[in-house]
């Protein structure tokens, strides 16, 4: 199955599996290829292909904005996905002005993903606990994993 020009947004859901979908050319104004919004728990995203989105107006949005972003969702696993030629692959976290009581209350795992010639956010994490292991970074132009604002990352064997 492929989603060409549109994406999927998941909000207030539990026990969801997203797999075997090819996402491409998602309209930046509509969101990401796949967006895990607030109120989700026990989500597994695996074996998907995520290609760049429509270009945005900012210089860092030439390849679209985000492939798969996660906000206020707990116990999430992102595995065996191919992120290719994306501008910003994975933003994980809450708004920068979030209250400190929510810091570290969310858990996410990234493993066995292929970040293929994408620019940044492999992932960029704020206010989450993340385990990032056995991912393959190939030809990325900026950085791999980034930790900001109350996050904790355990990064190994990438």
N, C-alpha and C. Protein backbone atom coordinates (compact mmCIF):
# COMPACT_ATOMS: atom_id res chain seq x y z
N UNK A 1 0.84 -1.16 0.00
CA UNK A 1 0.00 0.00 0.00
C UNK A 1 0.89 1.23 0.00
N UNK A 2 0.47 2.29 -0.68
CA UNK A 2 1.23 3.53 -0.66
C UNK A 2 0.32 4.72 -0.37
N UNK A 3 0.88 5.71 0.31
CA UNK A 3 0.20 6.96 0.60
C UNK A 3 0.98 8.05 -0.12
N UNK A 4 0.52 8.47 -1.28
CA UNK A 4 1.22 9.46 -2.08
C UNK A 4 0.47 10.78 -1.99
N UNK A 5 1.08 11.77 -1.31
CA UNK A 5 0.47 13.08 -1.17
C UNK A 5 -0.34 13.27 0.09
N UNK A 6 -0.42 12.26 0.92
CA UNK A 6 -1.17 12.35 2.17
C UNK A 6 -0.49 11.50 3.23
N UNK A 7 -0.81 11.76 4.48
CA UNK A 7 -0.22 11.02 5.59
C UNK A 7 -1.29 10.51 6.52
N UNK A 8 -0.84 9.97 7.64
CA UNK A 8 -1.74 9.40 8.64
C UNK A 8 -1.45 10.06 9.98
N UNK A 9 -2.48 10.44 10.70
CA UNK A 9 -2.35 11.01 12.04
C UNK A 9 -3.08 10.10 13.02
N UNK A 10 -2.38 9.70 14.08
CA UNK A 10 -2.97 8.83 15.10
C UNK A 10 -3.06 9.63 16.40
N UNK A 11 -4.24 9.65 17.00
CA UNK A 11 -4.47 10.46 18.21
C UNK A 11 -5.41 9.72 19.15
N UNK A 12 -5.03 9.67 20.44
CA UNK A 12 -5.84 9.04 21.49
C UNK A 12 -6.16 7.57 21.19
N UNK A 13 -5.15 6.83 20.79
CA UNK A 13 -5.33 5.41 20.44
C UNK A 13 -4.41 4.53 21.28
N UNK A 14 -4.81 3.28 21.46
CA UNK A 14 -3.99 2.30 22.17
C UNK A 14 -3.86 1.05 21.32
N UNK A 15 -2.71 0.41 21.43
CA UNK A 15 -2.43 -0.87 20.78
C UNK A 15 -2.68 -0.79 19.26
N UNK A 16 -1.87 0.04 18.60
CA UNK A 16 -1.98 0.23 17.15
C UNK A 16 -0.68 -0.23 16.50
N UNK A 17 -0.81 -0.91 15.37
CA UNK A 17 0.33 -1.35 14.58
C UNK A 17 0.21 -0.73 13.18
N UNK A 18 1.27 -0.04 12.75
CA UNK A 18 1.31 0.55 11.41
C UNK A 18 2.47 -0.12 10.67
N UNK A 19 2.15 -0.83 9.56
CA UNK A 19 3.22 -1.55 8.87
C UNK A 19 2.95 -1.64 7.37
N UNK A 20 4.05 -1.85 6.64
CA UNK A 20 4.01 -2.13 5.20
C UNK A 20 3.32 -1.05 4.38
N UNK A 21 3.60 0.22 4.70
CA UNK A 21 3.05 1.34 3.94
C UNK A 21 4.20 2.17 3.38
N UNK A 22 4.08 2.59 2.16
CA UNK A 22 5.03 3.52 1.55
C UNK A 22 4.45 4.92 1.57
N UNK A 23 5.10 5.84 2.29
CA UNK A 23 4.64 7.22 2.38
C UNK A 23 5.55 8.10 1.53
N UNK A 24 4.94 9.03 0.76
CA UNK A 24 5.76 9.96 -0.02
C UNK A 24 4.97 11.21 -0.37
N UNK A 25 5.69 12.30 -0.58
CA UNK A 25 5.12 13.58 -1.03
C UNK A 25 4.00 14.09 -0.14
N UNK A 26 4.11 13.89 1.17
CA UNK A 26 3.08 14.36 2.09
C UNK A 26 3.07 15.89 2.08
N UNK A 27 1.88 16.47 2.08
CA UNK A 27 1.73 17.91 2.10
C UNK A 27 2.13 18.43 3.48
N UNK A 28 3.14 19.27 3.50
CA UNK A 28 3.70 19.80 4.75
C UNK A 28 2.66 20.51 5.60
N UNK A 29 1.72 21.21 4.97
CA UNK A 29 0.70 21.94 5.72
C UNK A 29 -0.31 21.01 6.40
N UNK A 30 -0.37 19.78 5.96
CA UNK A 30 -1.31 18.80 6.52
C UNK A 30 -0.68 17.95 7.62
N UNK A 31 0.64 18.00 7.75
CA UNK A 31 1.31 17.21 8.77
C UNK A 31 2.42 16.37 8.19
N UNK A 32 2.79 15.32 8.89
CA UNK A 32 3.90 14.46 8.51
C UNK A 32 3.39 13.23 7.77
N UNK A 33 4.34 12.43 7.25
CA UNK A 33 3.94 11.15 6.67
C UNK A 33 3.12 10.36 7.68
N UNK A 34 3.64 10.29 8.90
CA UNK A 34 2.93 9.63 9.99
C UNK A 34 3.12 10.47 11.24
N UNK A 35 2.04 10.88 11.87
CA UNK A 35 2.11 11.68 13.08
C UNK A 35 1.44 10.98 14.24
N UNK A 36 2.20 10.72 15.28
CA UNK A 36 1.64 10.14 16.50
C UNK A 36 1.39 11.30 17.45
N UNK A 37 0.17 11.76 17.50
CA UNK A 37 -0.20 12.91 18.32
C UNK A 37 -0.44 12.47 19.76
N UNK A 38 -0.95 13.32 20.58
CA UNK A 38 -1.09 13.07 22.01
C UNK A 38 -2.09 11.96 22.32
N UNK A 39 -1.88 11.35 23.47
CA UNK A 39 -2.83 10.38 24.00
C UNK A 39 -2.68 8.96 23.48
N UNK A 40 -1.59 8.65 22.82
CA UNK A 40 -1.39 7.29 22.31
C UNK A 40 -0.54 6.47 23.28
N UNK A 41 -0.75 5.16 23.28
CA UNK A 41 0.14 4.27 24.01
C UNK A 41 0.18 2.91 23.32
N UNK A 42 1.31 2.24 23.48
CA UNK A 42 1.54 0.92 22.90
C UNK A 42 1.35 0.95 21.38
N UNK A 43 2.20 1.70 20.72
CA UNK A 43 2.16 1.86 19.26
C UNK A 43 3.41 1.22 18.67
N UNK A 44 3.24 0.45 17.60
CA UNK A 44 4.37 -0.18 16.90
C UNK A 44 4.31 0.22 15.44
N UNK A 45 5.35 0.92 14.98
CA UNK A 45 5.46 1.35 13.59
C UNK A 45 6.65 0.61 12.99
N UNK A 46 6.38 -0.26 12.01
CA UNK A 46 7.49 -1.07 11.47
C UNK A 46 7.29 -1.39 9.99
N UNK A 47 8.42 -1.64 9.34
CA UNK A 47 8.47 -2.08 7.94
C UNK A 47 7.76 -1.11 6.99
N UNK A 48 7.96 0.19 7.20
CA UNK A 48 7.40 1.21 6.33
C UNK A 48 8.52 1.89 5.55
N UNK A 49 8.17 2.50 4.45
CA UNK A 49 9.08 3.26 3.61
C UNK A 49 8.62 4.71 3.65
N UNK A 50 9.48 5.62 4.10
CA UNK A 50 9.09 7.02 4.21
C UNK A 50 10.04 7.87 3.39
N UNK A 51 9.48 8.45 2.34
CA UNK A 51 10.23 9.28 1.41
C UNK A 51 9.94 10.74 1.72
N UNK A 52 10.66 11.66 1.11
CA UNK A 52 10.53 13.09 1.42
C UNK A 52 9.12 13.62 1.17
N UNK A 53 8.85 14.75 1.83
CA UNK A 53 7.56 15.41 1.66
C UNK A 53 7.69 16.62 0.76
N UNK A 54 6.59 17.34 0.58
CA UNK A 54 6.61 18.57 -0.21
C UNK A 54 7.53 19.59 0.46
N UNK A 55 8.25 20.34 -0.34
CA UNK A 55 9.17 21.35 0.18
C UNK A 55 8.43 22.45 0.91
N UNK A 56 9.02 22.90 2.02
CA UNK A 56 8.46 24.01 2.78
C UNK A 56 9.18 25.31 2.45
N UNK A 57 8.81 26.37 3.12
CA UNK A 57 9.38 27.68 2.83
C UNK A 57 10.71 27.92 3.54
N UNK A 58 10.99 27.21 4.62
CA UNK A 58 12.25 27.38 5.34
C UNK A 58 13.37 26.63 4.63
N UNK A 59 14.61 27.11 4.83
CA UNK A 59 15.75 26.50 4.15
C UNK A 59 15.96 25.05 4.56
N UNK A 60 15.58 24.68 5.79
CA UNK A 60 15.76 23.30 6.23
C UNK A 60 14.56 22.41 5.90
N UNK A 61 13.66 22.90 5.05
CA UNK A 61 12.48 22.12 4.65
C UNK A 61 12.46 21.83 3.16
N UNK A 62 13.63 21.80 2.54
CA UNK A 62 13.70 21.52 1.10
C UNK A 62 13.19 20.12 0.78
N UNK A 63 13.34 19.20 1.73
CA UNK A 63 12.87 17.83 1.54
C UNK A 63 11.63 17.55 2.39
N UNK A 64 10.88 18.58 2.72
CA UNK A 64 9.71 18.41 3.57
C UNK A 64 10.05 18.66 5.02
N UNK A 65 9.07 18.52 5.89
CA UNK A 65 9.28 18.82 7.30
C UNK A 65 9.61 17.57 8.09
N UNK A 66 8.66 16.68 8.30
CA UNK A 66 8.92 15.51 9.13
C UNK A 66 8.38 14.24 8.51
N UNK A 67 9.10 13.15 8.71
CA UNK A 67 8.63 11.86 8.20
C UNK A 67 7.73 11.18 9.23
N UNK A 68 8.20 11.10 10.48
CA UNK A 68 7.43 10.45 11.54
C UNK A 68 7.71 11.19 12.84
N UNK A 69 6.77 11.96 13.33
CA UNK A 69 6.93 12.69 14.58
C UNK A 69 6.03 12.09 15.65
N UNK A 70 6.50 12.13 16.90
CA UNK A 70 5.78 11.55 18.03
C UNK A 70 5.64 12.59 19.14
N UNK A 71 4.41 12.82 19.60
CA UNK A 71 4.15 13.78 20.67
C UNK A 71 3.25 13.13 21.72
N UNK A 72 3.61 13.29 22.98
CA UNK A 72 2.80 12.80 24.11
C UNK A 72 2.21 11.42 23.87
N UNK A 73 3.03 10.51 23.40
CA UNK A 73 2.64 9.12 23.20
C UNK A 73 3.62 8.25 23.96
N UNK A 74 3.12 7.20 24.60
CA UNK A 74 3.95 6.40 25.47
C UNK A 74 4.06 4.96 24.99
N UNK A 75 5.19 4.36 25.27
CA UNK A 75 5.48 2.97 24.89
C UNK A 75 5.32 2.79 23.38
N UNK A 76 6.17 3.50 22.66
CA UNK A 76 6.17 3.49 21.20
C UNK A 76 7.43 2.78 20.72
N UNK A 77 7.29 1.94 19.70
CA UNK A 77 8.44 1.30 19.05
C UNK A 77 8.42 1.63 17.57
N UNK A 78 9.56 2.15 17.08
CA UNK A 78 9.75 2.48 15.67
C UNK A 78 10.86 1.55 15.18
N UNK A 79 10.53 0.59 14.30
CA UNK A 79 11.54 -0.40 13.92
C UNK A 79 11.41 -0.84 12.46
N UNK A 80 12.55 -1.21 11.89
CA UNK A 80 12.65 -1.78 10.54
C UNK A 80 12.02 -0.87 9.46
N UNK A 81 12.13 0.45 9.65
CA UNK A 81 11.62 1.39 8.66
C UNK A 81 12.77 1.93 7.82
N UNK A 82 12.44 2.38 6.63
CA UNK A 82 13.42 2.99 5.72
C UNK A 82 13.03 4.46 5.53
N UNK A 83 13.83 5.36 6.13
CA UNK A 83 13.62 6.79 5.97
C UNK A 83 14.62 7.26 4.92
N UNK A 84 14.13 7.60 3.74
CA UNK A 84 15.09 7.96 2.70
C UNK A 84 14.81 9.32 2.10
N UNK A 85 15.91 10.07 2.02
CA UNK A 85 15.91 11.40 1.44
C UNK A 85 14.94 12.33 2.15
N UNK A 86 14.82 12.21 3.46
CA UNK A 86 13.94 13.07 4.25
C UNK A 86 14.73 14.25 4.80
N UNK A 87 14.06 15.38 4.96
CA UNK A 87 14.70 16.54 5.56
C UNK A 87 14.87 16.36 7.06
N UNK A 88 13.77 16.11 7.73
CA UNK A 88 13.76 15.88 9.18
C UNK A 88 13.01 14.58 9.43
N UNK A 89 13.74 13.57 9.86
CA UNK A 89 13.13 12.24 9.95
C UNK A 89 12.19 12.08 11.14
N UNK A 90 12.71 12.23 12.37
CA UNK A 90 11.90 11.93 13.55
C UNK A 90 12.08 12.98 14.63
N UNK A 91 11.02 13.72 14.92
CA UNK A 91 10.99 14.60 16.08
C UNK A 91 10.18 13.89 17.15
N UNK A 92 10.77 13.77 18.33
CA UNK A 92 10.09 13.11 19.43
C UNK A 92 10.03 14.10 20.58
N UNK A 93 8.83 14.41 21.04
CA UNK A 93 8.76 15.27 22.20
C UNK A 93 7.59 16.19 22.24
N UNK A 94 7.65 17.04 23.24
CA UNK A 94 6.59 17.97 23.54
C UNK A 94 7.07 19.37 23.19
N UNK A 95 6.20 20.33 23.29
CA UNK A 95 6.58 21.72 23.05
C UNK A 95 7.66 22.14 24.03
N UNK A 96 8.47 23.09 23.62
CA UNK A 96 9.58 23.51 24.47
C UNK A 96 9.12 24.10 25.80
N UNK A 97 7.92 24.64 25.88
CA UNK A 97 7.44 25.24 27.11
C UNK A 97 6.68 24.30 28.02
N UNK A 98 6.83 23.00 27.83
CA UNK A 98 6.07 22.02 28.63
C UNK A 98 6.50 22.08 30.11
N UNK A 99 5.59 21.76 30.98
CA UNK A 99 5.90 21.76 32.40
C UNK A 99 6.85 20.62 32.75
N UNK A 100 7.72 20.86 33.68
CA UNK A 100 8.74 19.87 34.04
C UNK A 100 8.16 18.59 34.62
N UNK A 101 6.91 18.61 35.07
CA UNK A 101 6.31 17.39 35.64
C UNK A 101 6.14 16.30 34.58
N UNK A 102 6.10 16.68 33.30
CA UNK A 102 5.95 15.68 32.25
C UNK A 102 7.30 15.20 31.72
N UNK A 103 8.37 15.82 32.13
CA UNK A 103 9.69 15.45 31.65
C UNK A 103 10.03 14.01 32.03
N UNK A 104 10.44 13.22 31.07
CA UNK A 104 10.83 11.84 31.31
C UNK A 104 9.70 10.87 31.56
N UNK A 105 8.47 11.27 31.29
CA UNK A 105 7.31 10.42 31.55
C UNK A 105 6.95 9.53 30.37
N UNK A 106 7.65 9.69 29.25
CA UNK A 106 7.32 8.96 28.02
C UNK A 106 8.50 8.09 27.58
N UNK A 107 8.19 6.94 26.99
CA UNK A 107 9.22 5.99 26.57
C UNK A 107 9.03 5.63 25.10
N UNK A 108 10.17 5.59 24.37
CA UNK A 108 10.14 5.26 22.95
C UNK A 108 11.41 4.48 22.60
N UNK A 109 11.29 3.57 21.64
CA UNK A 109 12.43 2.77 21.18
C UNK A 109 12.54 2.88 19.66
N UNK A 110 13.77 3.09 19.18
CA UNK A 110 14.08 3.07 17.75
C UNK A 110 15.10 1.97 17.52
N UNK A 111 14.77 0.99 16.68
CA UNK A 111 15.77 -0.03 16.37
C UNK A 111 15.63 -0.55 14.94
N UNK A 112 16.77 -0.87 14.35
CA UNK A 112 16.86 -1.46 13.02
C UNK A 112 16.19 -0.61 11.93
N UNK A 113 16.30 0.70 12.06
CA UNK A 113 15.81 1.60 11.02
C UNK A 113 16.97 1.99 10.12
N UNK A 114 16.68 2.30 8.88
CA UNK A 114 17.68 2.72 7.91
C UNK A 114 17.42 4.17 7.57
N UNK A 115 18.33 5.06 8.00
CA UNK A 115 18.26 6.48 7.69
C UNK A 115 19.16 6.73 6.48
N UNK A 116 18.55 6.80 5.33
CA UNK A 116 19.24 6.77 4.04
C UNK A 116 19.23 8.16 3.40
N UNK A 117 20.37 8.85 3.47
CA UNK A 117 20.54 10.18 2.88
C UNK A 117 19.48 11.18 3.33
N UNK A 118 19.10 11.10 4.57
CA UNK A 118 18.21 12.11 5.14
C UNK A 118 19.08 13.10 5.92
N UNK A 119 18.52 14.26 6.23
CA UNK A 119 19.34 15.33 6.79
C UNK A 119 19.55 15.23 8.30
N UNK A 120 18.48 15.22 9.08
CA UNK A 120 18.64 15.31 10.52
C UNK A 120 17.48 14.62 11.24
N UNK A 121 17.54 14.70 12.57
CA UNK A 121 16.51 14.13 13.45
C UNK A 121 16.39 12.62 13.29
N UNK A 122 17.40 11.93 13.78
CA UNK A 122 17.44 10.47 13.67
C UNK A 122 17.50 9.80 15.04
N UNK A 123 16.70 10.07 15.99
CA UNK A 123 15.71 11.14 16.13
C UNK A 123 16.27 12.33 16.91
N UNK A 124 15.49 13.40 16.97
CA UNK A 124 15.73 14.53 17.89
C UNK A 124 14.70 14.38 18.99
N UNK A 125 15.17 14.34 20.24
CA UNK A 125 14.31 13.96 21.36
C UNK A 125 14.28 15.06 22.42
N UNK A 126 13.08 15.38 22.92
CA UNK A 126 12.95 16.26 24.08
C UNK A 126 11.83 15.73 24.97
N UNK A 127 12.12 15.67 26.27
CA UNK A 127 11.18 15.22 27.30
C UNK A 127 10.75 13.76 27.18
N UNK A 128 11.53 12.92 26.53
CA UNK A 128 11.25 11.49 26.42
C UNK A 128 12.47 10.71 26.88
N UNK A 129 12.26 9.46 27.26
CA UNK A 129 13.33 8.49 27.46
C UNK A 129 13.37 7.64 26.20
N UNK A 130 14.51 7.62 25.53
CA UNK A 130 14.61 6.90 24.26
C UNK A 130 15.74 5.88 24.28
N UNK A 131 15.47 4.71 23.74
CA UNK A 131 16.48 3.69 23.51
C UNK A 131 16.65 3.60 22.00
N UNK A 132 17.85 3.87 21.53
CA UNK A 132 18.13 3.96 20.10
C UNK A 132 19.27 2.99 19.80
N UNK A 133 18.96 1.88 19.12
CA UNK A 133 20.01 0.88 18.89
C UNK A 133 19.86 0.21 17.52
N UNK A 134 20.99 -0.27 17.01
CA UNK A 134 21.08 -1.03 15.77
C UNK A 134 20.41 -0.35 14.58
N UNK A 135 20.52 0.97 14.50
CA UNK A 135 20.03 1.71 13.34
C UNK A 135 21.20 1.94 12.38
N UNK A 136 20.90 2.11 11.12
CA UNK A 136 21.94 2.31 10.11
C UNK A 136 21.81 3.72 9.53
N UNK A 137 22.87 4.51 9.70
CA UNK A 137 22.91 5.88 9.19
C UNK A 137 23.79 5.91 7.95
N UNK A 138 23.23 6.28 6.82
CA UNK A 138 23.96 6.25 5.54
C UNK A 138 23.80 7.58 4.81
N UNK A 139 24.89 8.34 4.71
CA UNK A 139 24.89 9.57 3.93
C UNK A 139 24.06 10.69 4.51
N UNK A 140 23.93 10.73 5.84
CA UNK A 140 23.14 11.79 6.47
C UNK A 140 23.96 13.08 6.53
N UNK A 141 23.31 14.21 6.25
CA UNK A 141 24.07 15.45 6.08
C UNK A 141 24.29 16.26 7.36
N UNK A 142 23.51 16.05 8.42
CA UNK A 142 23.68 16.90 9.61
C UNK A 142 24.04 16.08 10.85
N UNK A 143 23.11 15.44 11.49
CA UNK A 143 23.42 14.71 12.71
C UNK A 143 22.53 13.48 12.83
N UNK A 144 22.93 12.59 13.72
CA UNK A 144 22.14 11.38 13.95
C UNK A 144 21.15 11.67 15.08
N UNK A 145 21.39 11.19 16.27
CA UNK A 145 20.46 11.38 17.39
C UNK A 145 20.80 12.65 18.16
N UNK A 146 19.77 13.37 18.57
CA UNK A 146 19.97 14.59 19.33
C UNK A 146 19.12 14.60 20.58
N UNK A 147 19.72 15.00 21.70
CA UNK A 147 19.03 15.04 22.98
C UNK A 147 18.92 16.49 23.45
N UNK A 148 17.69 16.95 23.72
CA UNK A 148 17.48 18.30 24.23
C UNK A 148 16.40 18.29 25.30
N UNK A 149 16.36 19.32 26.10
CA UNK A 149 15.29 19.63 27.04
C UNK A 149 14.70 18.44 27.81
N UNK A 150 15.39 17.96 28.79
CA UNK A 150 14.86 16.95 29.69
C UNK A 150 14.72 15.56 29.13
N UNK A 151 15.48 15.24 28.11
CA UNK A 151 15.39 13.89 27.54
C UNK A 151 16.55 13.02 28.03
N UNK A 152 16.36 11.73 27.88
CA UNK A 152 17.40 10.77 28.21
C UNK A 152 17.50 9.77 27.06
N UNK A 153 18.69 9.67 26.47
CA UNK A 153 18.90 8.76 25.34
C UNK A 153 19.92 7.70 25.70
N UNK A 154 19.61 6.46 25.39
CA UNK A 154 20.56 5.37 25.49
C UNK A 154 20.79 4.91 24.06
N UNK A 155 21.96 5.26 23.52
CA UNK A 155 22.28 5.03 22.11
C UNK A 155 23.39 4.00 22.03
N UNK A 156 23.14 2.90 21.27
CA UNK A 156 24.15 1.85 21.19
C UNK A 156 24.09 1.11 19.85
N UNK A 157 25.26 0.66 19.41
CA UNK A 157 25.42 -0.21 18.24
C UNK A 157 24.79 0.33 16.95
N UNK A 158 24.90 1.63 16.73
CA UNK A 158 24.40 2.20 15.48
C UNK A 158 25.55 2.31 14.51
